[in-house]
Amino acid sequence: METEVVEIDLTSRDGLEKAIIRARRTAFVARFIVLRESKRTRAHRVIELMEWGELTTVEELAGRFRAAFVENGDNMVPVDRDLRRALAHSFRSLKFFVEQYAVRATLNFIDALEDYERSNELLFVAEDQPKPGGWRLPTELRKLKVQDAAPGAKRGSRKPKHAAHP
């Protein structure tokens, strides 16, 4: 899962439409990461491993995020509030940052978390950076993806600590 560098063509109608989809999605995910940073739920674990397509809209992605919280039985009042705020952010920031957000667009949540970390490094001095809370570190998530992709790997399965004591 490597973040690819994408050239954005804002001169053609098709290029602009794609850039807007990418930019809105990127702004939404970036804001959602910040809003849910201090929370920790099972839905976060599901969202962290999500991937999406190049033309996945912000509304589709928000629906997928919401479904993860519903399926995990979370209190939807704060979740819906955070989803609304992140969607609003994707509209507000769009007119100022289409090209920047479109270039930073990702196709999975792990890459979005890495983008979030890079932004924090640019914005904050090392000691003032926000501490990780509700989201796992991208390096940890990449290891999980590799383990899950291994032949015969079962998600959530663990070896017994001692052969005599399963």
C-alpha atoms as a PDB file:
ATOM      1  CA  MET A   1       0.000   0.000   0.000  1.00  0.00           C
ATOM      2  CA  GLU A   2       2.147   2.857  -1.235  1.00  0.00           C
ATOM      3  CA  THR A   3       0.896   6.399  -1.518  1.00  0.00           C
ATOM      4  CA  GLU A   4       1.118   7.319  -5.151  1.00  0.00           C
ATOM      5  CA  VAL A   5       1.951  10.769  -6.477  1.00  0.00           C
ATOM      6  CA  VAL A   6      -0.876  11.897  -8.701  1.00  0.00           C
ATOM      7  CA  GLU A   7      -0.822  14.703 -11.202  1.00  0.00           C
ATOM      8  CA  ILE A   8      -3.984  16.768 -11.156  1.00  0.00           C
ATOM      9  CA  ASP A   9      -5.358  18.240 -14.366  1.00  0.00           C
ATOM     10  CA  LEU A  10      -7.606  21.127 -13.378  1.00  0.00           C
ATOM     11  CA  THR A  11      -7.872  22.399 -16.960  1.00  0.00           C
ATOM     12  CA  SER A  12     -10.274  19.744 -18.256  1.00  0.00           C
ATOM     13  CA  ARG A  13     -13.817  19.218 -16.983  1.00  0.00           C
ATOM     14  CA  ASP A  14     -13.173  15.522 -16.290  1.00  0.00           C
ATOM     15  CA  GLY A  15      -9.911  16.304 -14.486  1.00  0.00           C
ATOM     16  CA  LEU A  16     -11.581  18.961 -12.350  1.00  0.00           C
ATOM     17  CA  GLU A  17     -14.472  16.650 -11.417  1.00  0.00           C
ATOM     18  CA  LYS A  18     -12.049  13.909 -10.354  1.00  0.00           C
ATOM     19  CA  ALA A  19      -9.953  16.434  -8.417  1.00  0.00           C
ATOM     20  CA  ILE A  20     -13.051  17.650  -6.561  1.00  0.00           C
ATOM     21  CA  ILE A  21     -14.055  14.090  -5.621  1.00  0.00           C
ATOM     22  CA  ARG A  22     -10.527  13.374  -4.373  1.00  0.00           C
ATOM     23  CA  ALA A  23     -10.214  16.692  -2.560  1.00  0.00           C
ATOM     24  CA  ARG A  24     -13.563  16.424  -0.760  1.00  0.00           C
ATOM     25  CA  ARG A  25     -12.837  12.849   0.284  1.00  0.00           C
ATOM     26  CA  THR A  26      -9.371  13.816   1.538  1.00  0.00           C
ATOM     27  CA  ALA A  27     -10.659  16.822   3.496  1.00  0.00           C
ATOM     28  CA  PHE A  28     -13.412  14.671   5.020  1.00  0.00           C
ATOM     29  CA  VAL A  29     -11.073  11.861   6.099  1.00  0.00           C
ATOM     30  CA  ALA A  30      -8.498  14.315   7.482  1.00  0.00           C
ATOM     31  CA  ARG A  31     -11.121  16.106   9.574  1.00  0.00           C
ATOM     32  CA  PHE A  32     -12.737  12.833  10.685  1.00  0.00           C
ATOM     33  CA  ILE A  33      -9.372  11.561  11.930  1.00  0.00           C
ATOM     34  CA  VAL A  34      -8.974  14.692  14.048  1.00  0.00           C
ATOM     35  CA  LEU A  35     -12.547  14.629  15.382  1.00  0.00           C
ATOM     36  CA  ARG A  36     -12.370  10.977  16.444  1.00  0.00           C
ATOM     37  CA  GLU A  37      -8.755  11.049  17.661  1.00  0.00           C
ATOM     38  CA  SER A  38      -9.608  10.967  21.357  1.00  0.00           C
ATOM     39  CA  LYS A  39     -12.224   8.228  20.979  1.00  0.00           C
ATOM     40  CA  ARG A  40     -11.521   4.518  20.923  1.00  0.00           C
ATOM     41  CA  THR A  41     -14.131   2.052  19.664  1.00  0.00           C
ATOM     42  CA  ARG A  42     -14.257  -1.233  17.774  1.00  0.00           C
ATOM     43  CA  ALA A  43     -15.541   0.701  14.768  1.00  0.00           C
ATOM     44  CA  HIS A  44     -12.194   2.497  14.615  1.00  0.00           C
ATOM     45  CA  ARG A  45     -10.514  -0.883  14.099  1.00  0.00           C
ATOM     46  CA  VAL A  46     -12.816  -1.585  11.123  1.00  0.00           C
ATOM     47  CA  ILE A  47     -12.375   1.873   9.579  1.00  0.00           C
ATOM     48  CA  GLU A  48      -8.590   1.755   9.940  1.00  0.00           C
ATOM     49  CA  LEU A  49      -8.431  -1.150   7.491  1.00  0.00           C
ATOM     50  CA  MET A  50     -10.850   0.288   4.922  1.00  0.00           C
ATOM     51  CA  GLU A  51      -9.899   0.908   1.331  1.00  0.00           C
ATOM     52  CA  TRP A  52     -11.865   2.720  -1.363  1.00  0.00           C
ATOM     53  CA  GLY A  53     -11.814   3.463  -5.061  1.00  0.00           C
ATOM     54  CA  GLU A  54     -10.498   6.476  -6.912  1.00  0.00           C
ATOM     55  CA  LEU A  55     -14.016   7.792  -7.559  1.00  0.00           C
ATOM     56  CA  THR A  56     -15.548   6.924  -4.166  1.00  0.00           C
ATOM     57  CA  THR A  57     -17.465  10.019  -3.113  1.00  0.00           C
ATOM     58  CA  VAL A  58     -17.281  11.605   0.299  1.00  0.00           C
ATOM     59  CA  GLU A  59     -20.936  10.706   0.887  1.00  0.00           C
ATOM     60  CA  GLU A  60     -20.302   7.032   0.087  1.00  0.00           C
ATOM     61  CA  LEU A  61     -17.304   6.952   2.398  1.00  0.00           C
ATOM     62  CA  ALA A  62     -19.209   8.706   5.196  1.00  0.00           C
ATOM     63  CA  GLY A  63     -21.919   6.049   4.801  1.00  0.00           C
ATOM     64  CA  ARG A  64     -19.356   3.269   5.120  1.00  0.00           C
ATOM     65  CA  PHE A  65     -17.841   4.871   8.217  1.00  0.00           C
ATOM     66  CA  ARG A  66     -21.295   5.304   9.755  1.00  0.00           C
ATOM     67  CA  ALA A  67     -22.200   1.676   9.011  1.00  0.00           C
ATOM     68  CA  ALA A  68     -19.106   0.522  10.914  1.00  0.00           C
ATOM     69  CA  PHE A  69     -20.297   2.402  14.006  1.00  0.00           C
ATOM     70  CA  VAL A  70     -23.862   1.116  13.663  1.00  0.00           C
ATOM     71  CA  GLU A  71     -22.662  -2.485  13.280  1.00  0.00           C
ATOM     72  CA  ASN A  72     -20.548  -2.128  16.416  1.00  0.00           C
ATOM     73  CA  GLY A  73     -23.405  -0.695  18.484  1.00  0.00           C
ATOM     74  CA  ASP A  74     -21.826   2.693  19.135  1.00  0.00           C
ATOM     75  CA  ASN A  75     -23.784   5.684  20.434  1.00  0.00           C
ATOM     76  CA  MET A  76     -24.644   7.393  17.150  1.00  0.00           C
ATOM     77  CA  VAL A  77     -25.244  10.905  18.504  1.00  0.00           C
ATOM     78  CA  PRO A  78     -21.541  11.840  18.740  1.00  0.00           C
ATOM     79  CA  VAL A  79     -20.691   9.799  15.638  1.00  0.00           C
ATOM     80  CA  ASP A  80     -23.316  11.552  13.522  1.00  0.00           C
ATOM     81  CA  ARG A  81     -22.139  14.927  14.881  1.00  0.00           C
ATOM     82  CA  ASP A  82     -18.550  14.145  13.879  1.00  0.00           C
ATOM     83  CA  LEU A  83     -19.618  12.870  10.453  1.00  0.00           C
ATOM     84  CA  ARG A  84     -21.643  16.065   9.858  1.00  0.00           C
ATOM     85  CA  ARG A  85     -18.699  18.227  10.922  1.00  0.00           C
ATOM     86  CA  ALA A  86     -16.276  16.340   8.689  1.00  0.00           C
ATOM     87  CA  LEU A  87     -18.681  16.565   5.723  1.00  0.00           C
ATOM     88  CA  ALA A  88     -19.127  20.311   6.314  1.00  0.00           C
ATOM     89  CA  HIS A  89     -15.353  20.705   6.405  1.00  0.00           C
ATOM     90  CA  SER A  90     -15.084  18.923   3.054  1.00  0.00           C
ATOM     91  CA  PHE A  91     -17.327  21.607   1.513  1.00  0.00           C
ATOM     92  CA  ARG A  92     -15.808  24.654   3.262  1.00  0.00           C
ATOM     93  CA  SER A  93     -12.170  23.893   2.596  1.00  0.00           C
ATOM     94  CA  LEU A  94     -12.796  22.753  -0.962  1.00  0.00           C
ATOM     95  CA  LYS A  95     -12.845  26.190  -2.570  1.00  0.00           C
ATOM     96  CA  PHE A  96      -9.465  27.017  -1.074  1.00  0.00           C
ATOM     97  CA  PHE A  97      -7.599  23.738  -1.281  1.00  0.00           C
ATOM     98  CA  VAL A  98      -8.877  21.645  -4.204  1.00  0.00           C
ATOM     99  CA  GLU A  99      -5.478  21.040  -5.735  1.00  0.00           C
ATOM    100  CA  GLN A 100      -3.680  20.426  -2.414  1.00  0.00           C
ATOM    101  CA  TYR A 101      -6.319  18.011  -1.109  1.00  0.00           C
ATOM    102  CA  ALA A 102      -6.613  16.246  -4.464  1.00  0.00           C
ATOM    103  CA  VAL A 103      -2.865  15.619  -4.559  1.00  0.00           C
ATOM    104  CA  ARG A 104      -2.955  14.244  -0.987  1.00  0.00           C
ATOM    105  CA  ALA A 105      -5.876  11.904  -1.742  1.00  0.00           C
ATOM    106  CA  THR A 106      -5.535   8.309  -0.600  1.00  0.00           C
ATOM    107  CA  LEU A 107      -7.315   5.075  -1.383  1.00  0.00           C
ATOM    108  CA  ASN A 108      -7.177   3.674   2.141  1.00  0.00           C
ATOM    109  CA  PHE A 109      -7.338   4.784   5.746  1.00  0.00           C
ATOM    110  CA  ILE A 110      -3.776   3.750   6.614  1.00  0.00           C
ATOM    111  CA  ASP A 111      -2.339   6.163   4.052  1.00  0.00           C
ATOM    112  CA  ALA A 112      -4.708   8.855   5.369  1.00  0.00           C
ATOM    113  CA  LEU A 113      -3.320   8.304   8.875  1.00  0.00           C
ATOM    114  CA  GLU A 114       0.212   8.690   7.520  1.00  0.00           C
ATOM    115  CA  ASP A 115      -0.807  11.941   5.831  1.00  0.00           C
ATOM    116  CA  TYR A 116      -2.221  13.081   9.186  1.00  0.00           C
ATOM    117  CA  GLU A 117       1.092  12.282  10.898  1.00  0.00           C
ATOM    118  CA  ARG A 118       3.057  14.214   8.233  1.00  0.00           C
ATOM    119  CA  SER A 119       0.760  17.199   8.713  1.00  0.00           C
ATOM    120  CA  ASN A 120       1.323  17.107  12.467  1.00  0.00           C
ATOM    121  CA  GLU A 121       5.087  17.024  11.927  1.00  0.00           C
ATOM    122  CA  LEU A 122       4.802  20.169   9.795  1.00  0.00           C
ATOM    123  CA  LEU A 123       2.432  21.973  12.158  1.00  0.00           C
ATOM    124  CA  PHE A 124       3.878  21.125  15.548  1.00  0.00           C
ATOM    125  CA  VAL A 125       7.278  21.002  17.164  1.00  0.00           C
ATOM    126  CA  ALA A 126       8.161  17.402  18.074  1.00  0.00           C
ATOM    127  CA  GLU A 127       7.170  17.751  21.731  1.00  0.00           C
ATOM    128  CA  ASP A 128       3.899  19.532  20.939  1.00  0.00           C
ATOM    129  CA  GLN A 129       2.558  16.937  18.499  1.00  0.00           C
ATOM    130  CA  PRO A 130      -0.789  15.411  19.466  1.00  0.00           C
ATOM    131  CA  LYS A 131      -0.438  12.008  21.089  1.00  0.00           C
ATOM    132  CA  PRO A 132      -2.038   9.052  19.300  1.00  0.00           C
ATOM    133  CA  GLY A 133      -5.308   8.077  20.906  1.00  0.00           C
ATOM    134  CA  GLY A 134      -8.265   6.538  19.101  1.00  0.00           C
ATOM    135  CA  TRP A 135      -6.404   5.408  15.990  1.00  0.00           C
ATOM    136  CA  ARG A 136      -3.627   2.863  15.809  1.00  0.00           C
ATOM    137  CA  LEU A 137      -0.301   3.837  14.268  1.00  0.00           C
ATOM    138  CA  PRO A 138       0.028   3.261  10.512  1.00  0.00           C
ATOM    139  CA  THR A 139       3.082   1.040  11.023  1.00  0.00           C
ATOM    140  CA  GLU A 140       1.056  -1.246  13.313  1.00  0.00           C
ATOM    141  CA  LEU A 141      -1.813  -1.378  10.801  1.00  0.00           C
ATOM    142  CA  ARG A 142       0.527  -2.221   7.913  1.00  0.00           C
ATOM    143  CA  LYS A 143       1.879  -5.164   9.926  1.00  0.00           C
ATOM    144  CA  LEU A 144      -1.706  -6.373  10.484  1.00  0.00           C
ATOM    145  CA  LYS A 145      -2.447  -6.136   6.756  1.00  0.00           C
ATOM    146  CA  VAL A 146       0.666  -8.174   5.945  1.00  0.00           C
ATOM    147  CA  GLN A 147      -0.258 -10.815   8.539  1.00  0.00           C
ATOM    148  CA  ASP A 148      -3.838 -10.992   7.270  1.00  0.00           C
ATOM    149  CA  ALA A 149      -2.616 -11.381   3.684  1.00  0.00           C
ATOM    150  CA  ALA A 150      -0.349 -14.293   4.575  1.00  0.00           C
ATOM    151  CA  PRO A 151      -1.600 -17.668   3.318  1.00  0.00           C
ATOM    152  CA  GLY A 152      -3.665 -19.452   5.943  1.00  0.00           C
ATOM    153  CA  ALA A 153      -3.846 -16.395   8.200  1.00  0.00           C
ATOM    154  CA  LYS A 154      -7.036 -16.021  10.154  1.00  0.00           C
ATOM    155  CA  ARG A 155      -7.981 -12.631  11.458  1.00  0.00           C
ATOM    156  CA  GLY A 156      -7.887 -12.407  15.208  1.00  0.00           C
ATOM    157  CA  SER A 157      -6.448 -15.901  15.632  1.00  0.00           C
ATOM    158  CA  ARG A 158      -3.628 -16.296  18.114  1.00  0.00           C
ATOM    159  CA  LYS A 159      -1.226 -19.062  18.965  1.00  0.00           C
ATOM    160  CA  PRO A 160      -1.593 -20.501  22.431  1.00  0.00           C
ATOM    161  CA  LYS A 161       1.082 -19.176  24.803  1.00  0.00           C
ATOM    162  CA  HIS A 162       2.136 -22.664  25.855  1.00  0.00           C
ATOM    163  CA  ALA A 163       1.497 -25.893  23.999  1.00  0.00           C
ATOM    164  CA  ALA A 164       0.439 -27.603  27.239  1.00  0.00           C
ATOM    165  CA  HIS A 165      -1.910 -24.729  28.142  1.00  0.00           C
ATOM    166  CA  PRO A 166      -4.068 -23.764  25.127  1.00  0.00           C
END
